[in-house]
């Protein structure tokens, strides 16, 4: 008859041997090919931005949709949206003119679909409307700034004074 210590030792060895197995490292799932492109893209132009609504491809590996665009010269941006959403907002446009936006569907292996290019025509950006309404007046101990922000855009003012060297 085996002693209880030998039985416990034998069970520990069996558990240790069975616990060791090779684990695959890499992206989960994946079929080795990129997803299909988004379709039925509609554009809703907003002040300094645009909302893009689309139909997602029926790919089980789909992770997100990314929009790439250049809101200013030499300035590239991208906006990502999860596969749980069917829209995204591209913003940061400083002018009211046509801009191209490229949409890609991206899968779990980070493979992209073919691009879908749309043109957005954002309305006048909030900063331009605010700038046109700014009123500056001297005030006790500083400056009084009044402005109108009809679109409710996130605007930050920073007041600076040039150093003339005499003070």
C-alpha atoms as a PDB file:
ATOM      1  CA  UNK A   1       0.000   0.000   0.000  1.00  0.00           C
ATOM      2  CA  UNK A   2       1.270   3.471  -0.856  1.00  0.00           C
ATOM      3  CA  UNK A   3       1.782   6.028   1.803  1.00  0.00           C
ATOM      4  CA  UNK A   4      -0.382   9.184   1.654  1.00  0.00           C
ATOM      5  CA  UNK A   5       2.750  11.287   1.067  1.00  0.00           C
ATOM      6  CA  UNK A   6       3.602   9.256  -2.043  1.00  0.00           C
ATOM      7  CA  UNK A   7       0.058   9.632  -3.399  1.00  0.00           C
ATOM      8  CA  UNK A   8       0.154  13.419  -2.910  1.00  0.00           C
ATOM      9  CA  UNK A   9       3.586  13.616  -4.549  1.00  0.00           C
ATOM     10  CA  UNK A  10       2.357  11.539  -7.482  1.00  0.00           C
ATOM     11  CA  UNK A  11      -0.740  13.790  -7.907  1.00  0.00           C
ATOM     12  CA  UNK A  12       1.431  16.936  -7.862  1.00  0.00           C
ATOM     13  CA  UNK A  13       3.703  15.510 -10.564  1.00  0.00           C
ATOM     14  CA  UNK A  14       0.725  14.558 -12.756  1.00  0.00           C
ATOM     15  CA  UNK A  15      -0.799  18.049 -12.321  1.00  0.00           C
ATOM     16  CA  UNK A  16       2.504  19.763 -13.117  1.00  0.00           C
ATOM     17  CA  UNK A  17       2.988  17.733 -16.315  1.00  0.00           C
ATOM     18  CA  UNK A  18      -0.602  18.399 -17.485  1.00  0.00           C
ATOM     19  CA  UNK A  19      -0.414  22.127 -16.648  1.00  0.00           C
ATOM     20  CA  UNK A  20       2.429  22.694 -19.119  1.00  0.00           C
ATOM     21  CA  UNK A  21       1.181  23.233 -22.635  1.00  0.00           C
ATOM     22  CA  UNK A  22       2.240  25.426 -25.524  1.00  0.00           C
ATOM     23  CA  UNK A  23       0.424  28.748 -25.778  1.00  0.00           C
ATOM     24  CA  UNK A  24       0.062  30.438 -29.137  1.00  0.00           C
ATOM     25  CA  UNK A  25       0.966  34.112 -29.126  1.00  0.00           C
ATOM     26  CA  UNK A  26      -0.437  36.446 -31.747  1.00  0.00           C
ATOM     27  CA  UNK A  27      -3.676  38.100 -32.714  1.00  0.00           C
ATOM     28  CA  UNK A  28      -6.741  36.065 -31.780  1.00  0.00           C
ATOM     29  CA  UNK A  29      -8.666  34.592 -34.663  1.00  0.00           C
ATOM     30  CA  UNK A  30      -7.969  35.931 -38.093  1.00  0.00           C
ATOM     31  CA  UNK A  31      -8.430  34.430 -41.502  1.00  0.00           C
ATOM     32  CA  UNK A  32      -5.323  35.865 -43.168  1.00  0.00           C
ATOM     33  CA  UNK A  33      -7.149  38.320 -45.408  1.00  0.00           C
ATOM     34  CA  UNK A  34      -8.387  41.873 -44.904  1.00  0.00           C
ATOM     35  CA  UNK A  35     -12.032  42.760 -44.285  1.00  0.00           C
ATOM     36  CA  UNK A  36     -14.338  44.166 -46.911  1.00  0.00           C
ATOM     37  CA  UNK A  37     -14.738  47.952 -47.159  1.00  0.00           C
ATOM     38  CA  UNK A  38     -17.444  49.979 -45.446  1.00  0.00           C
ATOM     39  CA  UNK A  39     -20.405  50.911 -47.662  1.00  0.00           C
ATOM     40  CA  UNK A  40     -23.346  53.325 -47.864  1.00  0.00           C
ATOM     41  CA  UNK A  41     -21.344  56.223 -46.428  1.00  0.00           C
ATOM     42  CA  UNK A  42     -23.378  59.341 -45.673  1.00  0.00           C
ATOM     43  CA  UNK A  43     -21.901  62.695 -44.656  1.00  0.00           C
ATOM     44  CA  UNK A  44     -23.480  65.171 -42.234  1.00  0.00           C
ATOM     45  CA  UNK A  45     -21.472  68.402 -42.331  1.00  0.00           C
ATOM     46  CA  UNK A  46     -21.151  70.303 -39.033  1.00  0.00           C
ATOM     47  CA  UNK A  47     -19.248  73.444 -37.926  1.00  0.00           C
ATOM     48  CA  UNK A  48     -15.558  72.536 -38.360  1.00  0.00           C
ATOM     49  CA  UNK A  49     -16.403  68.828 -38.505  1.00  0.00           C
ATOM     50  CA  UNK A  50     -18.412  66.123 -40.243  1.00  0.00           C
ATOM     51  CA  UNK A  51     -20.252  63.017 -39.057  1.00  0.00           C
ATOM     52  CA  UNK A  52     -19.769  59.949 -41.264  1.00  0.00           C
ATOM     53  CA  UNK A  53     -22.336  57.157 -41.035  1.00  0.00           C
ATOM     54  CA  UNK A  54     -21.700  53.860 -42.827  1.00  0.00           C
ATOM     55  CA  UNK A  55     -22.622  50.199 -43.101  1.00  0.00           C
ATOM     56  CA  UNK A  56     -20.037  47.818 -41.649  1.00  0.00           C
ATOM     57  CA  UNK A  57     -18.788  44.825 -43.646  1.00  0.00           C
ATOM     58  CA  UNK A  58     -20.012  41.435 -42.422  1.00  0.00           C
ATOM     59  CA  UNK A  59     -16.594  40.142 -41.379  1.00  0.00           C
ATOM     60  CA  UNK A  60     -16.342  38.293 -38.030  1.00  0.00           C
ATOM     61  CA  UNK A  61     -12.737  39.522 -37.616  1.00  0.00           C
ATOM     62  CA  UNK A  62     -13.661  43.220 -37.886  1.00  0.00           C
ATOM     63  CA  UNK A  63     -12.219  45.323 -35.034  1.00  0.00           C
ATOM     64  CA  UNK A  64     -12.697  48.986 -35.963  1.00  0.00           C
ATOM     65  CA  UNK A  65     -13.065  51.583 -38.704  1.00  0.00           C
ATOM     66  CA  UNK A  66     -10.449  54.302 -39.144  1.00  0.00           C
ATOM     67  CA  UNK A  67     -10.823  57.608 -40.998  1.00  0.00           C
ATOM     68  CA  UNK A  68      -7.664  59.329 -42.252  1.00  0.00           C
ATOM     69  CA  UNK A  69      -7.682  62.978 -43.323  1.00  0.00           C
ATOM     70  CA  UNK A  70      -5.619  66.194 -43.433  1.00  0.00           C
ATOM     71  CA  UNK A  71      -7.457  69.093 -41.745  1.00  0.00           C
ATOM     72  CA  UNK A  72      -4.516  71.438 -42.500  1.00  0.00           C
ATOM     73  CA  UNK A  73      -1.506  71.382 -44.817  1.00  0.00           C
ATOM     74  CA  UNK A  74       1.176  68.963 -43.516  1.00  0.00           C
ATOM     75  CA  UNK A  75      -1.151  67.758 -40.763  1.00  0.00           C
ATOM     76  CA  UNK A  76      -2.493  64.195 -40.900  1.00  0.00           C
ATOM     77  CA  UNK A  77      -5.079  62.871 -38.457  1.00  0.00           C
ATOM     78  CA  UNK A  78      -6.970  59.686 -37.929  1.00  0.00           C
ATOM     79  CA  UNK A  79     -10.134  58.897 -36.007  1.00  0.00           C
ATOM     80  CA  UNK A  80     -11.082  55.360 -34.989  1.00  0.00           C
ATOM     81  CA  UNK A  81     -14.463  53.904 -34.143  1.00  0.00           C
ATOM     82  CA  UNK A  82     -15.205  50.460 -32.707  1.00  0.00           C
ATOM     83  CA  UNK A  83     -17.138  47.865 -34.695  1.00  0.00           C
ATOM     84  CA  UNK A  84     -19.957  48.435 -32.179  1.00  0.00           C
ATOM     85  CA  UNK A  85     -20.617  51.842 -33.839  1.00  0.00           C
ATOM     86  CA  UNK A  86     -21.651  52.661 -37.372  1.00  0.00           C
ATOM     87  CA  UNK A  87     -20.496  56.291 -37.369  1.00  0.00           C
ATOM     88  CA  UNK A  88     -17.608  58.553 -36.425  1.00  0.00           C
ATOM     89  CA  UNK A  89     -16.890  62.287 -36.298  1.00  0.00           C
ATOM     90  CA  UNK A  90     -13.919  63.855 -38.074  1.00  0.00           C
ATOM     91  CA  UNK A  91     -13.114  67.296 -36.693  1.00  0.00           C
ATOM     92  CA  UNK A  92     -10.431  69.956 -36.498  1.00  0.00           C
ATOM     93  CA  UNK A  93     -11.089  71.567 -39.873  1.00  0.00           C
ATOM     94  CA  UNK A  94     -10.042  75.228 -39.760  1.00  0.00           C
ATOM     95  CA  UNK A  95     -11.654  76.206 -43.050  1.00  0.00           C
ATOM     96  CA  UNK A  96     -14.972  75.796 -44.766  1.00  0.00           C
ATOM     97  CA  UNK A  97     -13.879  74.017 -47.948  1.00  0.00           C
ATOM     98  CA  UNK A  98     -13.933  70.440 -49.339  1.00  0.00           C
ATOM     99  CA  UNK A  99     -11.666  67.851 -47.677  1.00  0.00           C
ATOM    100  CA  UNK A 100     -11.110  64.199 -48.606  1.00  0.00           C
ATOM    101  CA  UNK A 101     -11.520  61.515 -45.942  1.00  0.00           C
ATOM    102  CA  UNK A 102     -10.414  57.892 -46.455  1.00  0.00           C
ATOM    103  CA  UNK A 103     -12.282  55.192 -44.519  1.00  0.00           C
ATOM    104  CA  UNK A 104     -10.763  51.768 -43.831  1.00  0.00           C
ATOM    105  CA  UNK A 105     -12.194  48.714 -42.076  1.00  0.00           C
ATOM    106  CA  UNK A 106      -9.507  47.012 -39.942  1.00  0.00           C
ATOM    107  CA  UNK A 107      -9.551  43.412 -38.676  1.00  0.00           C
ATOM    108  CA  UNK A 108      -7.967  41.653 -35.668  1.00  0.00           C
ATOM    109  CA  UNK A 109      -4.714  41.171 -37.558  1.00  0.00           C
ATOM    110  CA  UNK A 110      -4.544  44.946 -38.297  1.00  0.00           C
ATOM    111  CA  UNK A 111      -5.157  44.292 -41.998  1.00  0.00           C
ATOM    112  CA  UNK A 112      -6.985  47.100 -43.766  1.00  0.00           C
ATOM    113  CA  UNK A 113      -9.682  46.997 -46.378  1.00  0.00           C
ATOM    114  CA  UNK A 114      -9.568  48.936 -49.591  1.00  0.00           C
ATOM    115  CA  UNK A 115     -10.160  52.649 -48.851  1.00  0.00           C
ATOM    116  CA  UNK A 116     -13.493  54.335 -49.374  1.00  0.00           C
ATOM    117  CA  UNK A 117     -12.931  58.032 -50.127  1.00  0.00           C
ATOM    118  CA  UNK A 118     -15.596  60.620 -49.340  1.00  0.00           C
ATOM    119  CA  UNK A 119     -15.567  64.411 -49.532  1.00  0.00           C
ATOM    120  CA  UNK A 120     -16.710  66.472 -46.557  1.00  0.00           C
ATOM    121  CA  UNK A 121     -17.562  70.182 -46.645  1.00  0.00           C
ATOM    122  CA  UNK A 122     -17.475  71.332 -43.014  1.00  0.00           C
ATOM    123  CA  UNK A 123     -19.399  74.501 -42.170  1.00  0.00           C
ATOM    124  CA  UNK A 124     -17.631  77.588 -40.800  1.00  0.00           C
ATOM    125  CA  UNK A 125     -15.492  76.469 -37.828  1.00  0.00           C
ATOM    126  CA  UNK A 126     -16.496  77.735 -34.364  1.00  0.00           C
ATOM    127  CA  UNK A 127     -13.166  79.545 -33.892  1.00  0.00           C
ATOM    128  CA  UNK A 128     -13.839  81.794 -36.901  1.00  0.00           C
ATOM    129  CA  UNK A 129     -17.283  82.746 -35.589  1.00  0.00           C
ATOM    130  CA  UNK A 130     -15.868  83.418 -32.109  1.00  0.00           C
ATOM    131  CA  UNK A 131     -12.988  85.484 -33.508  1.00  0.00           C
ATOM    132  CA  UNK A 132     -15.411  87.669 -35.472  1.00  0.00           C
ATOM    133  CA  UNK A 133     -17.352  88.480 -32.271  1.00  0.00           C
ATOM    134  CA  UNK A 134     -14.451  89.125 -29.844  1.00  0.00           C
ATOM    135  CA  UNK A 135     -14.545  92.433 -27.955  1.00  0.00           C
ATOM    136  CA  UNK A 136     -11.515  93.459 -25.847  1.00  0.00           C
ATOM    137  CA  UNK A 137     -11.678  96.253 -23.250  1.00  0.00           C
ATOM    138  CA  UNK A 138      -9.413  97.437 -20.473  1.00  0.00           C
ATOM    139  CA  UNK A 139     -10.578  96.385 -17.064  1.00  0.00           C
ATOM    140  CA  UNK A 140      -9.464  96.907 -13.499  1.00  0.00           C
ATOM    141  CA  UNK A 141      -6.306  94.846 -13.138  1.00  0.00           C
ATOM    142  CA  UNK A 142      -6.419  93.319 -16.579  1.00  0.00           C
ATOM    143  CA  UNK A 143      -8.523  92.695 -19.616  1.00  0.00           C
ATOM    144  CA  UNK A 144     -12.238  92.158 -20.229  1.00  0.00           C
ATOM    145  CA  UNK A 145     -12.961  89.711 -23.054  1.00  0.00           C
ATOM    146  CA  UNK A 146     -16.451  89.225 -24.478  1.00  0.00           C
ATOM    147  CA  UNK A 147     -17.379  86.904 -27.328  1.00  0.00           C
ATOM    148  CA  UNK A 148     -20.217  84.841 -28.742  1.00  0.00           C
ATOM    149  CA  UNK A 149     -19.906  81.091 -29.256  1.00  0.00           C
ATOM    150  CA  UNK A 150     -23.121  80.137 -31.114  1.00  0.00           C
ATOM    151  CA  UNK A 151     -21.966  76.581 -31.922  1.00  0.00           C
ATOM    152  CA  UNK A 152     -20.757  75.832 -28.380  1.00  0.00           C
ATOM    153  CA  UNK A 153     -17.297  74.847 -29.654  1.00  0.00           C
ATOM    154  CA  UNK A 154     -14.427  74.176 -27.261  1.00  0.00           C
ATOM    155  CA  UNK A 155     -12.478  77.433 -27.439  1.00  0.00           C
ATOM    156  CA  UNK A 156      -9.414  78.386 -25.380  1.00  0.00           C
ATOM    157  CA  UNK A 157      -8.154  81.961 -25.053  1.00  0.00           C
ATOM    158  CA  UNK A 158      -4.579  82.700 -24.120  1.00  0.00           C
ATOM    159  CA  UNK A 159      -3.691  86.360 -23.538  1.00  0.00           C
ATOM    160  CA  UNK A 160      -0.063  87.255 -24.215  1.00  0.00           C
ATOM    161  CA  UNK A 161       1.820  90.539 -24.146  1.00  0.00           C
ATOM    162  CA  UNK A 162       4.907  91.186 -26.175  1.00  0.00           C
ATOM    163  CA  UNK A 163       7.919  92.019 -24.010  1.00  0.00           C
ATOM    164  CA  UNK A 164       9.218  95.402 -25.182  1.00  0.00           C
ATOM    165  CA  UNK A 165      12.247  95.232 -22.858  1.00  0.00           C
ATOM    166  CA  UNK A 166      11.397  98.519 -21.096  1.00  0.00           C
ATOM    167  CA  UNK A 167       9.501  96.986 -18.203  1.00  0.00           C
END
